[in-house]
C-alpha atoms as a PDB file:
ATOM      1  CA  MET A   1     -13.437 -10.152 -30.175  1.00  0.00           C
ATOM      2  CA  ASN A   2     -16.827 -10.407 -31.825  1.00  0.00           C
ATOM      3  CA  GLU A   3     -16.419 -13.507 -33.967  1.00  0.00           C
ATOM      4  CA  SER A   4     -20.000 -13.260 -35.159  1.00  0.00           C
ATOM      5  CA  ALA A   5     -19.401 -10.108 -37.251  1.00  0.00           C
ATOM      6  CA  HIS A   6     -20.286 -10.645 -40.894  1.00  0.00           C
ATOM      7  CA  ILE A   7     -20.159  -8.001 -43.646  1.00  0.00           C
ATOM      8  CA  VAL A   8     -23.449  -7.971 -45.525  1.00  0.00           C
ATOM      9  CA  ASP A   9     -22.804  -5.167 -48.002  1.00  0.00           C
ATOM     10  CA  THR A  10     -20.131  -2.648 -48.969  1.00  0.00           C
ATOM     11  CA  ARG A  11     -20.840   0.366 -51.147  1.00  0.00           C
ATOM     12  CA  ILE A  12     -18.202   2.881 -52.300  1.00  0.00           C
ATOM     13  CA  LEU A  13     -19.404   6.436 -51.655  1.00  0.00           C
ATOM     14  CA  SER A  14     -16.250   8.182 -52.872  1.00  0.00           C
ATOM     15  CA  ASN A  15     -12.955   6.945 -54.258  1.00  0.00           C
ATOM     16  CA  ASN A  16     -10.605   9.883 -54.599  1.00  0.00           C
ATOM     17  CA  ARG A  17      -7.272   9.546 -52.797  1.00  0.00           C
ATOM     18  CA  TYR A  18      -8.653   6.998 -50.332  1.00  0.00           C
ATOM     19  CA  PRO A  19     -12.013   5.202 -50.506  1.00  0.00           C
ATOM     20  CA  LEU A  20     -14.982   6.168 -48.360  1.00  0.00           C
ATOM     21  CA  LYS A  21     -17.297   3.193 -47.996  1.00  0.00           C
ATOM     22  CA  GLU A  22     -20.688   2.482 -46.512  1.00  0.00           C
ATOM     23  CA  VAL A  23     -20.486  -0.919 -44.816  1.00  0.00           C
ATOM     24  CA  THR A  24     -23.404  -2.957 -43.495  1.00  0.00           C
ATOM     25  CA  VAL A  25     -22.504  -5.606 -40.920  1.00  0.00           C
ATOM     26  CA  ASN A  26     -24.448  -8.206 -38.941  1.00  0.00           C
ATOM     27  CA  TYR A  27     -23.163  -9.205 -35.509  1.00  0.00           C
ATOM     28  CA  THR A  28     -24.355 -10.693 -32.232  1.00  0.00           C
ATOM     29  CA  GLY A  29     -24.649  -8.335 -29.270  1.00  0.00           C
ATOM     30  CA  ALA A  30     -23.484  -9.117 -25.728  1.00  0.00           C
ATOM     31  CA  ASN A  31     -26.947 -10.407 -24.779  1.00  0.00           C
ATOM     32  CA  GLY A  32     -27.145 -12.698 -27.840  1.00  0.00           C
ATOM     33  CA  GLU A  33     -29.360 -10.315 -29.817  1.00  0.00           C
ATOM     34  CA  LYS A  34     -28.781 -10.286 -33.606  1.00  0.00           C
ATOM     35  CA  LEU A  35     -27.904  -6.766 -34.750  1.00  0.00           C
ATOM     36  CA  THR A  36     -27.332  -5.006 -38.061  1.00  0.00           C
ATOM     37  CA  THR A  37     -25.527  -1.703 -38.372  1.00  0.00           C
ATOM     38  CA  LYS A  38     -24.504   0.522 -41.259  1.00  0.00           C
ATOM     39  CA  ARG A  39     -21.456   2.809 -40.981  1.00  0.00           C
ATOM     40  CA  GLU A  40     -19.363   5.031 -43.204  1.00  0.00           C
ATOM     41  CA  VAL A  41     -15.730   3.912 -43.113  1.00  0.00           C
ATOM     42  CA  TYR A  42     -12.784   5.871 -44.486  1.00  0.00           C
ATOM     43  CA  GLU A  43     -10.085   3.437 -45.692  1.00  0.00           C
ATOM     44  CA  ARG A  44      -6.996   5.575 -45.301  1.00  0.00           C
ATOM     45  CA  GLY A  45      -4.378   2.797 -45.083  1.00  0.00           C
ATOM     46  CA  ASP A  46      -1.684   2.270 -42.476  1.00  0.00           C
ATOM     47  CA  ALA A  47       1.088   4.651 -41.472  1.00  0.00           C
ATOM     48  CA  ALA A  48       4.218   4.815 -39.339  1.00  0.00           C
ATOM     49  CA  ALA A  49       5.299   7.556 -36.932  1.00  0.00           C
ATOM     50  CA  ALA A  50       8.457   8.159 -34.927  1.00  0.00           C
ATOM     51  CA  VAL A  51       9.571  10.421 -32.136  1.00  0.00           C
ATOM     52  CA  LEU A  52      13.249  11.306 -32.481  1.00  0.00           C
ATOM     53  CA  TYR A  53      14.880  11.845 -29.095  1.00  0.00           C
ATOM     54  CA  ASN A  54      18.321  12.719 -27.786  1.00  0.00           C
ATOM     55  CA  LYS A  55      18.617  11.515 -24.192  1.00  0.00           C
ATOM     56  CA  GLU A  56      21.992  13.203 -23.633  1.00  0.00           C
ATOM     57  CA  LYS A  57      20.666  16.637 -24.637  1.00  0.00           C
ATOM     58  CA  GLY A  58      17.177  16.014 -23.251  1.00  0.00           C
ATOM     59  CA  THR A  59      15.554  16.976 -26.566  1.00  0.00           C
ATOM     60  CA  VAL A  60      13.036  15.731 -29.114  1.00  0.00           C
ATOM     61  CA  LEU A  61      12.397  16.800 -32.690  1.00  0.00           C
ATOM     62  CA  LEU A  62       8.976  18.240 -33.468  1.00  0.00           C
ATOM     63  CA  LEU A  63       7.658  19.166 -36.885  1.00  0.00           C
ATOM     64  CA  SER A  64       5.136  21.849 -37.806  1.00  0.00           C
ATOM     65  CA  GLN A  65       3.090  21.688 -40.964  1.00  0.00           C
ATOM     66  CA  PHE A  66      -0.252  22.804 -42.317  1.00  0.00           C
ATOM     67  CA  ARG A  67      -3.045  20.262 -41.767  1.00  0.00           C
ATOM     68  CA  LEU A  68      -6.261  21.237 -43.560  1.00  0.00           C
ATOM     69  CA  PRO A  69      -8.648  19.079 -41.475  1.00  0.00           C
ATOM     70  CA  THR A  70      -7.457  20.828 -38.293  1.00  0.00           C
ATOM     71  CA  PHE A  71      -7.940  24.213 -39.966  1.00  0.00           C
ATOM     72  CA  LEU A  72     -11.512  23.209 -40.792  1.00  0.00           C
ATOM     73  CA  ASN A  73     -12.105  22.181 -37.173  1.00  0.00           C
ATOM     74  CA  GLY A  74     -10.933  24.944 -34.861  1.00  0.00           C
ATOM     75  CA  ASN A  75      -7.177  25.285 -35.519  1.00  0.00           C
ATOM     76  CA  ALA A  76      -7.030  28.913 -36.693  1.00  0.00           C
ATOM     77  CA  SER A  77      -3.634  28.668 -38.424  1.00  0.00           C
ATOM     78  CA  GLY A  78      -3.949  25.064 -39.566  1.00  0.00           C
ATOM     79  CA  MET A  79      -0.377  24.470 -38.372  1.00  0.00           C
ATOM     80  CA  LEU A  80       0.082  21.366 -36.244  1.00  0.00           C
ATOM     81  CA  LYS A  81       3.065  20.316 -34.107  1.00  0.00           C
ATOM     82  CA  GLU A  82       3.703  16.625 -34.515  1.00  0.00           C
ATOM     83  CA  VAL A  83       6.277  13.866 -34.794  1.00  0.00           C
ATOM     84  CA  CYS A  84       7.583  12.480 -38.068  1.00  0.00           C
ATOM     85  CA  ALA A  85       5.039  10.283 -39.886  1.00  0.00           C
ATOM     86  CA  GLY A  86       3.864   8.999 -43.235  1.00  0.00           C
ATOM     87  CA  MET A  87       1.780   6.422 -45.064  1.00  0.00           C
ATOM     88  CA  LEU A  88       3.294   2.962 -45.559  1.00  0.00           C
ATOM     89  CA  ASP A  89       2.678   3.044 -49.330  1.00  0.00           C
ATOM     90  CA  GLY A  90       3.436  -0.689 -49.597  1.00  0.00           C
ATOM     91  CA  ASP A  91       6.542  -0.601 -47.392  1.00  0.00           C
ATOM     92  CA  THR A  92       6.994  -2.268 -44.019  1.00  0.00           C
ATOM     93  CA  PRO A  93       6.518   0.082 -41.051  1.00  0.00           C
ATOM     94  CA  GLU A  94      10.282   0.055 -40.408  1.00  0.00           C
ATOM     95  CA  VAL A  95      11.198   0.979 -43.992  1.00  0.00           C
ATOM     96  CA  CYS A  96       8.484   3.638 -44.061  1.00  0.00           C
ATOM     97  CA  VAL A  97       9.553   5.299 -40.829  1.00  0.00           C
ATOM     98  CA  ARG A  98      13.200   5.483 -41.916  1.00  0.00           C
ATOM     99  CA  ARG A  99      12.126   7.029 -45.245  1.00  0.00           C
ATOM    100  CA  GLU A 100       9.878   9.576 -43.561  1.00  0.00           C
ATOM    101  CA  ILE A 101      12.543  10.513 -41.007  1.00  0.00           C
ATOM    102  CA  MET A 102      14.985  11.202 -43.852  1.00  0.00           C
ATOM    103  CA  GLU A 103      12.470  13.179 -45.948  1.00  0.00           C
ATOM    104  CA  GLU A 104      10.994  15.195 -43.093  1.00  0.00           C
ATOM    105  CA  THR A 105      13.919  15.749 -40.711  1.00  0.00           C
ATOM    106  CA  GLY A 106      17.032  15.069 -42.772  1.00  0.00           C
ATOM    107  CA  TYR A 107      18.374  12.491 -40.303  1.00  0.00           C
ATOM    108  CA  THR A 108      19.716   9.065 -41.268  1.00  0.00           C
ATOM    109  CA  VAL A 109      18.991   7.063 -38.133  1.00  0.00           C
ATOM    110  CA  LYS A 110      20.466   3.801 -36.921  1.00  0.00           C
ATOM    111  CA  ASP A 111      18.294   2.211 -34.259  1.00  0.00           C
ATOM    112  CA  ILE A 112      14.524   2.218 -34.162  1.00  0.00           C
ATOM    113  CA  GLN A 113      12.429   0.766 -31.352  1.00  0.00           C
ATOM    114  CA  SER A 114       8.826  -0.304 -31.762  1.00  0.00           C
ATOM    115  CA  ALA A 115       6.462   1.611 -29.481  1.00  0.00           C
ATOM    116  CA  GLY A 116       3.273  -0.243 -30.406  1.00  0.00           C
ATOM    117  CA  GLU A 117       0.459   0.629 -32.755  1.00  0.00           C
ATOM    118  CA  ILE A 118      -2.679   2.740 -32.468  1.00  0.00           C
ATOM    119  CA  TYR A 119      -5.941   3.235 -34.338  1.00  0.00           C
ATOM    120  CA  VAL A 120      -6.374   6.926 -35.026  1.00  0.00           C
ATOM    121  CA  SER A 121     -10.150   7.259 -35.151  1.00  0.00           C
ATOM    122  CA  PRO A 122     -11.607   3.749 -34.833  1.00  0.00           C
ATOM    123  CA  ALA A 123     -15.241   4.802 -35.112  1.00  0.00           C
ATOM    124  CA  GLY A 124     -14.848   5.898 -38.724  1.00  0.00           C
ATOM    125  CA  CYS A 125     -11.365   5.314 -40.095  1.00  0.00           C
ATOM    126  CA  THR A 126      -9.370   2.124 -40.670  1.00  0.00           C
ATOM    127  CA  GLU A 127      -5.987   3.868 -40.298  1.00  0.00           C
ATOM    128  CA  ARG A 128      -3.520   2.181 -37.964  1.00  0.00           C
ATOM    129  CA  ILE A 129      -0.240   3.866 -37.068  1.00  0.00           C
ATOM    130  CA  PHE A 130       2.859   1.858 -36.171  1.00  0.00           C
ATOM    131  CA  LEU A 131       4.796   3.837 -33.554  1.00  0.00           C
ATOM    132  CA  PHE A 132       8.563   4.054 -33.066  1.00  0.00           C
ATOM    133  CA  ALA A 133      11.012   5.712 -30.682  1.00  0.00           C
ATOM    134  CA  VAL A 134      14.257   6.652 -32.422  1.00  0.00           C
ATOM    135  CA  PRO A 135      17.426   8.040 -30.831  1.00  0.00           C
ATOM    136  CA  TYR A 136      19.249  10.737 -32.798  1.00  0.00           C
ATOM    137  CA  THR A 137      22.509  12.652 -32.569  1.00  0.00           C
ATOM    138  CA  ALA A 138      23.756  15.685 -34.507  1.00  0.00           C
ATOM    139  CA  ASP A 139      26.106  13.588 -36.660  1.00  0.00           C
ATOM    140  CA  MET A 140      23.103  11.720 -38.118  1.00  0.00           C
ATOM    141  CA  LYS A 141      21.895  14.872 -39.916  1.00  0.00           C
ATOM    142  CA  THR A 142      22.617  14.228 -43.609  1.00  0.00           C
ATOM    143  CA  ASN A 143      20.319  16.719 -45.384  1.00  0.00           C
ATOM    144  CA  ALA A 144      18.003  19.655 -44.690  1.00  0.00           C
ATOM    145  CA  GLY A 145      14.774  17.654 -44.429  1.00  0.00           C
ATOM    146  CA  GLY A 146      11.560  19.665 -44.549  1.00  0.00           C
ATOM    147  CA  GLY A 147       9.514  17.227 -46.624  1.00  0.00           C
ATOM    148  CA  LEU A 148       9.062  16.693 -50.343  1.00  0.00           C
ATOM    149  CA  GLN A 149       8.013  19.594 -52.556  1.00  0.00           C
ATOM    150  CA  GLU A 150       6.240  17.220 -54.966  1.00  0.00           C
ATOM    151  CA  GLU A 151       4.030  16.167 -52.046  1.00  0.00           C
ATOM    152  CA  GLN A 152       3.528  19.840 -51.119  1.00  0.00           C
ATOM    153  CA  GLU A 153       5.174  19.296 -47.761  1.00  0.00           C
ATOM    154  CA  PHE A 154       6.635  22.410 -46.200  1.00  0.00           C
ATOM    155  CA  ILE A 155       7.771  21.244 -42.786  1.00  0.00           C
ATOM    156  CA  ASP A 156       9.471  23.291 -40.098  1.00  0.00           C
ATOM    157  CA  ILE A 157      11.762  21.254 -37.822  1.00  0.00           C
ATOM    158  CA  GLU A 158      12.234  22.269 -34.193  1.00  0.00           C
ATOM    159  CA  GLU A 159      14.482  20.760 -31.534  1.00  0.00           C
ATOM    160  CA  VAL A 160      12.657  21.096 -28.219  1.00  0.00           C
ATOM    161  CA  LEU A 161      13.558  20.186 -24.667  1.00  0.00           C
ATOM    162  CA  PHE A 162      11.578  17.069 -23.735  1.00  0.00           C
ATOM    163  CA  GLU A 163      10.061  18.686 -20.630  1.00  0.00           C
ATOM    164  CA  GLU A 164       8.979  21.649 -22.775  1.00  0.00           C
ATOM    165  CA  ALA A 165       7.297  19.244 -25.205  1.00  0.00           C
ATOM    166  CA  LEU A 166       5.321  17.748 -22.309  1.00  0.00           C
ATOM    167  CA  GLN A 167       4.281  21.262 -21.298  1.00  0.00           C
ATOM    168  CA  MET A 168       3.125  21.861 -24.874  1.00  0.00           C
ATOM    169  CA  ILE A 169       0.650  19.017 -24.399  1.00  0.00           C
ATOM    170  CA  LYS A 170      -0.650  20.611 -21.188  1.00  0.00           C
ATOM    171  CA  ASN A 171      -1.019  24.069 -22.711  1.00  0.00           C
ATOM    172  CA  GLY A 172      -2.614  22.858 -25.957  1.00  0.00           C
ATOM    173  CA  LYS A 173       0.290  23.592 -28.305  1.00  0.00           C
ATOM    174  CA  ILE A 174       0.539  19.869 -29.099  1.00  0.00           C
ATOM    175  CA  ARG A 175      -2.857  18.373 -29.997  1.00  0.00           C
ATOM    176  CA  ASP A 176      -1.829  15.511 -32.250  1.00  0.00           C
ATOM    177  CA  ALA A 177      -2.682  12.099 -30.763  1.00  0.00           C
ATOM    178  CA  LYS A 178       0.293  10.139 -32.147  1.00  0.00           C
ATOM    179  CA  THR A 179       2.670  12.817 -30.893  1.00  0.00           C
ATOM    180  CA  MET A 180       1.139  12.763 -27.419  1.00  0.00           C
ATOM    181  CA  ALA A 181       1.281   8.966 -27.311  1.00  0.00           C
ATOM    182  CA  LEU A 182       4.938   8.874 -28.345  1.00  0.00           C
ATOM    183  CA  LEU A 183       6.050  11.609 -25.926  1.00  0.00           C
ATOM    184  CA  TYR A 184       4.338   9.788 -23.074  1.00  0.00           C
ATOM    185  CA  TYR A 185       5.917   6.534 -24.294  1.00  0.00           C
ATOM    186  CA  LEU A 186       9.364   8.104 -23.846  1.00  0.00           C
ATOM    187  CA  ARG A 187       8.471   9.084 -20.265  1.00  0.00           C
ATOM    188  CA  VAL A 188       6.784   5.818 -19.254  1.00  0.00           C
ATOM    189  CA  HIS A 189       9.660   3.691 -20.595  1.00  0.00           C
ATOM    190  CA  GLY A 190      12.373   5.846 -19.029  1.00  0.00           C
ATOM    191  CA  LEU A 191      13.877   6.860 -22.366  1.00  0.00           C
ATOM    192  CA  MET A 192      13.638  10.548 -21.419  1.00  0.00           C
END
């Protein structure tokens, strides 16, 4: 950790849904040299994400929804396959992930297991995502899911064989970092 880092100046460049700031920081380099750098930082807030898995059936739930930034950067349809996720909005990660699972998939889950946390794009965004692995069974389905209309979420839910989901990473059908991390988490920890 660089304990010498000191923020010199912060300027808000835009403050729509989330603030975009220009931050100037002084810090000491590895060789003892005093450095100053200026960076744009997008303060998106923290989020939680969960992969729902059914070990008995060998399946996971994947969601597809339109993601404008991917459309603007090479994803022709703008549709992205991913796991359930949402912004904390003042809740704890555990409360958030349960809420998002209900809204997006329609499942009321029992157990959730922490799978760590990741920074999405640490060179320019403060967002941190708390990750969870969550077992599900058919009897946990309590509503249709699909997201909230007032948030303009139109989510397709797909139950996929776990091995097929891993193949989707290889063939480029899954390109979302949190989804890749959580699918690999299931494999590495012997959950699937």
